[in-house]
């Protein structure tokens, strides 16, 4: 639920649906790793600030988004993004947990982009109806897996 709250505005931004999905994956990973709950979203608790900082730096490293857009993605002013970029290197050096999370986010982006290439290859095949169904089912499996993990956390 925390991810839903943190990403509900993404569809209002000028982002491709692929970019929105990748960003949601980043939130899922970072919030799960840092044990972020619904009530923490929008606060200045250390664990959510660090998770958001890590997401910002992963987006900045892998996409050519301007800081104002990244700020809108995060629901913060772009000056906060500048601060996140400035302190990122010291966190990488001093905080092993942060480093591991940053590596996971970068790996997730690269894997997702690789996965997108496979999807595009499927669309180019002769049997596009079958391919579209495969793509939809893969996305549905990801969403159901996430929902299942959310339910396990609640229990």
Protein backbone atom coordinates (compact mmCIF):
# COMPACT_ATOMS: atom_id res chain seq x y z
CA UNK A 1 0.00 0.00 0.00
CA UNK A 2 2.89 2.38 0.63
CA UNK A 3 4.05 1.99 -2.97
CA UNK A 4 0.55 2.70 -4.26
CA UNK A 5 0.38 5.89 -2.19
CA UNK A 6 3.85 7.01 -3.27
CA UNK A 7 3.25 6.34 -6.98
CA UNK A 8 -0.44 7.16 -7.48
CA UNK A 9 0.40 10.45 -9.23
CA UNK A 10 2.84 8.99 -11.80
CA UNK A 11 0.21 8.57 -14.51
CA UNK A 12 -0.43 12.34 -14.37
CA UNK A 13 3.18 13.06 -15.37
CA UNK A 14 4.56 13.10 -18.88
CA UNK A 15 6.17 9.68 -18.66
CA UNK A 16 5.83 6.69 -20.92
CA UNK A 17 3.95 3.73 -19.52
CA UNK A 18 7.24 1.80 -19.56
CA UNK A 19 8.95 4.47 -17.47
CA UNK A 20 6.05 4.49 -15.01
CA UNK A 21 6.31 0.72 -14.62
CA UNK A 22 10.07 0.83 -14.07
CA UNK A 23 9.69 3.59 -11.47
CA UNK A 24 7.02 1.57 -9.66
CA UNK A 25 9.40 -1.40 -9.57
CA UNK A 26 12.06 0.85 -8.00
CA UNK A 27 9.62 1.98 -5.31
CA UNK A 28 8.59 -1.62 -4.62
CA UNK A 29 12.18 -2.75 -4.18
CA UNK A 30 13.32 0.22 -2.11
CA UNK A 31 10.26 0.28 0.13
CA UNK A 32 10.42 -3.47 0.72
CA UNK A 33 14.15 -3.36 1.54
CA UNK A 34 13.69 -0.44 3.95
CA UNK A 35 10.45 -1.80 5.42
CA UNK A 36 8.44 1.30 4.49
CA UNK A 37 4.79 1.27 5.56
CA UNK A 38 1.85 3.36 4.42
CA UNK A 39 2.04 5.74 7.36
CA UNK A 40 5.69 6.57 6.55
CA UNK A 41 5.06 7.86 3.02
CA UNK A 42 5.46 11.63 2.89
CA UNK A 43 7.26 11.85 6.23
CA UNK A 44 10.88 12.67 6.93
CA UNK A 45 11.67 9.39 8.63
CA UNK A 46 15.25 8.40 7.93
CA UNK A 47 14.42 5.09 6.28
CA UNK A 48 12.01 6.66 3.78
CA UNK A 49 14.36 9.56 3.03
CA UNK A 50 17.18 7.10 2.33
CA UNK A 51 14.93 4.92 0.16
CA UNK A 52 13.75 7.95 -1.81
CA UNK A 53 17.32 9.24 -2.15
CA UNK A 54 18.39 5.89 -3.53
CA UNK A 55 15.48 5.86 -6.01
CA UNK A 56 16.32 9.40 -7.15
CA UNK A 57 19.95 8.54 -7.77
CA UNK A 58 19.06 5.34 -9.63
CA UNK A 59 16.66 7.29 -11.86
CA UNK A 60 19.21 10.04 -12.43
CA UNK A 61 21.90 7.51 -13.33
CA UNK A 62 19.80 5.52 -15.79
CA UNK A 63 17.43 8.05 -17.34
CA UNK A 64 17.85 11.49 -18.85
CA UNK A 65 15.07 13.05 -16.78
CA UNK A 66 15.53 16.65 -15.64
CA UNK A 67 15.62 17.22 -11.89
CA UNK A 68 12.24 18.96 -11.98
CA UNK A 69 10.64 15.82 -13.41
CA UNK A 70 12.43 13.59 -10.91
CA UNK A 71 11.14 15.90 -8.18
CA UNK A 72 7.60 15.49 -9.48
CA UNK A 73 8.07 11.71 -9.59
CA UNK A 74 9.07 11.80 -5.94
CA UNK A 75 6.46 14.37 -4.93
CA UNK A 76 9.16 16.78 -3.77
CA UNK A 77 10.71 20.07 -4.90
CA UNK A 78 13.64 19.76 -7.30
CA UNK A 79 15.94 21.33 -4.70
CA UNK A 80 15.46 18.21 -2.58
CA UNK A 81 16.69 16.21 -5.58
CA UNK A 82 19.83 18.36 -5.71
CA UNK A 83 20.43 17.59 -2.03
CA UNK A 84 19.90 13.85 -2.62
CA UNK A 85 22.46 13.93 -5.43
CA UNK A 86 25.00 15.77 -3.27
CA UNK A 87 24.88 13.39 -0.30
CA UNK A 88 24.61 10.21 -2.38
CA UNK A 89 28.37 9.58 -2.64
CA UNK A 90 28.92 9.79 1.10
CA UNK A 91 26.09 7.31 1.68
CA UNK A 92 27.62 4.93 -0.86
CA UNK A 93 30.93 5.06 1.01
CA UNK A 94 29.61 4.94 4.57
CA UNK A 95 26.42 2.86 4.49
CA UNK A 96 26.63 -0.73 3.23
CA UNK A 97 22.86 -1.17 3.32
CA UNK A 98 22.42 1.91 1.12
CA UNK A 99 25.07 0.64 -1.30
CA UNK A 100 23.34 -2.74 -1.60
CA UNK A 101 19.98 -1.06 -2.22
CA UNK A 102 21.48 1.21 -4.87
CA UNK A 103 23.00 -1.81 -6.62
CA UNK A 104 19.66 -3.63 -6.50
CA UNK A 105 17.84 -0.67 -8.02
CA UNK A 106 20.37 -0.31 -10.83
CA UNK A 107 20.22 -4.04 -11.52
CA UNK A 108 16.41 -3.90 -11.56
CA UNK A 109 16.46 -1.08 -14.11
CA UNK A 110 18.90 -2.90 -16.36
CA UNK A 111 16.94 -6.15 -16.08
CA UNK A 112 13.65 -4.39 -16.76
CA UNK A 113 15.07 -2.61 -19.79
CA UNK A 114 16.40 -5.93 -21.06
CA UNK A 115 12.95 -7.41 -20.48
CA UNK A 116 11.43 -4.54 -22.46
CA UNK A 117 13.64 -5.46 -25.42
CA UNK A 118 12.22 -8.98 -25.27
CA UNK A 119 8.71 -7.56 -25.26
CA UNK A 120 9.49 -5.43 -28.31
CA UNK A 121 10.88 -8.50 -30.07
CA UNK A 122 7.63 -10.32 -29.33
CA UNK A 123 5.62 -7.50 -30.87
CA UNK A 124 7.62 -7.80 -34.07
CA UNK A 125 6.81 -11.49 -34.46
CA UNK A 126 4.19 -12.73 -36.90
CA UNK A 127 1.74 -13.84 -34.25
CA UNK A 128 1.18 -10.52 -32.46
CA UNK A 129 -2.03 -11.54 -30.70
CA UNK A 130 -0.26 -14.37 -28.91
CA UNK A 131 2.62 -12.05 -28.10
CA UNK A 132 0.35 -9.37 -26.65
CA UNK A 133 -1.29 -11.95 -24.42
CA UNK A 134 2.13 -13.11 -23.19
CA UNK A 135 3.12 -9.53 -22.35
CA UNK A 136 -0.12 -8.87 -20.49
CA UNK A 137 0.19 -12.11 -18.56
CA UNK A 138 3.77 -11.31 -17.55
CA UNK A 139 2.69 -7.93 -16.22
CA UNK A 140 -0.24 -9.50 -14.42
CA UNK A 141 2.06 -12.08 -12.80
CA UNK A 142 4.33 -9.25 -11.57
CA UNK A 143 1.36 -7.36 -10.12
CA UNK A 144 -0.08 -10.46 -8.46
CA UNK A 145 3.32 -11.34 -6.99
CA UNK A 146 3.57 -7.85 -5.54
CA UNK A 147 0.04 -8.06 -4.11
CA UNK A 148 0.85 -11.44 -2.55
CA UNK A 149 3.97 -10.02 -0.92
CA UNK A 150 1.92 -7.11 0.39
CA UNK A 151 -0.58 -9.49 1.94
CA UNK A 152 2.21 -11.50 3.57
CA UNK A 153 3.51 -8.30 5.20
CA UNK A 154 0.06 -7.51 6.61
CA UNK A 155 -0.25 -10.97 8.17
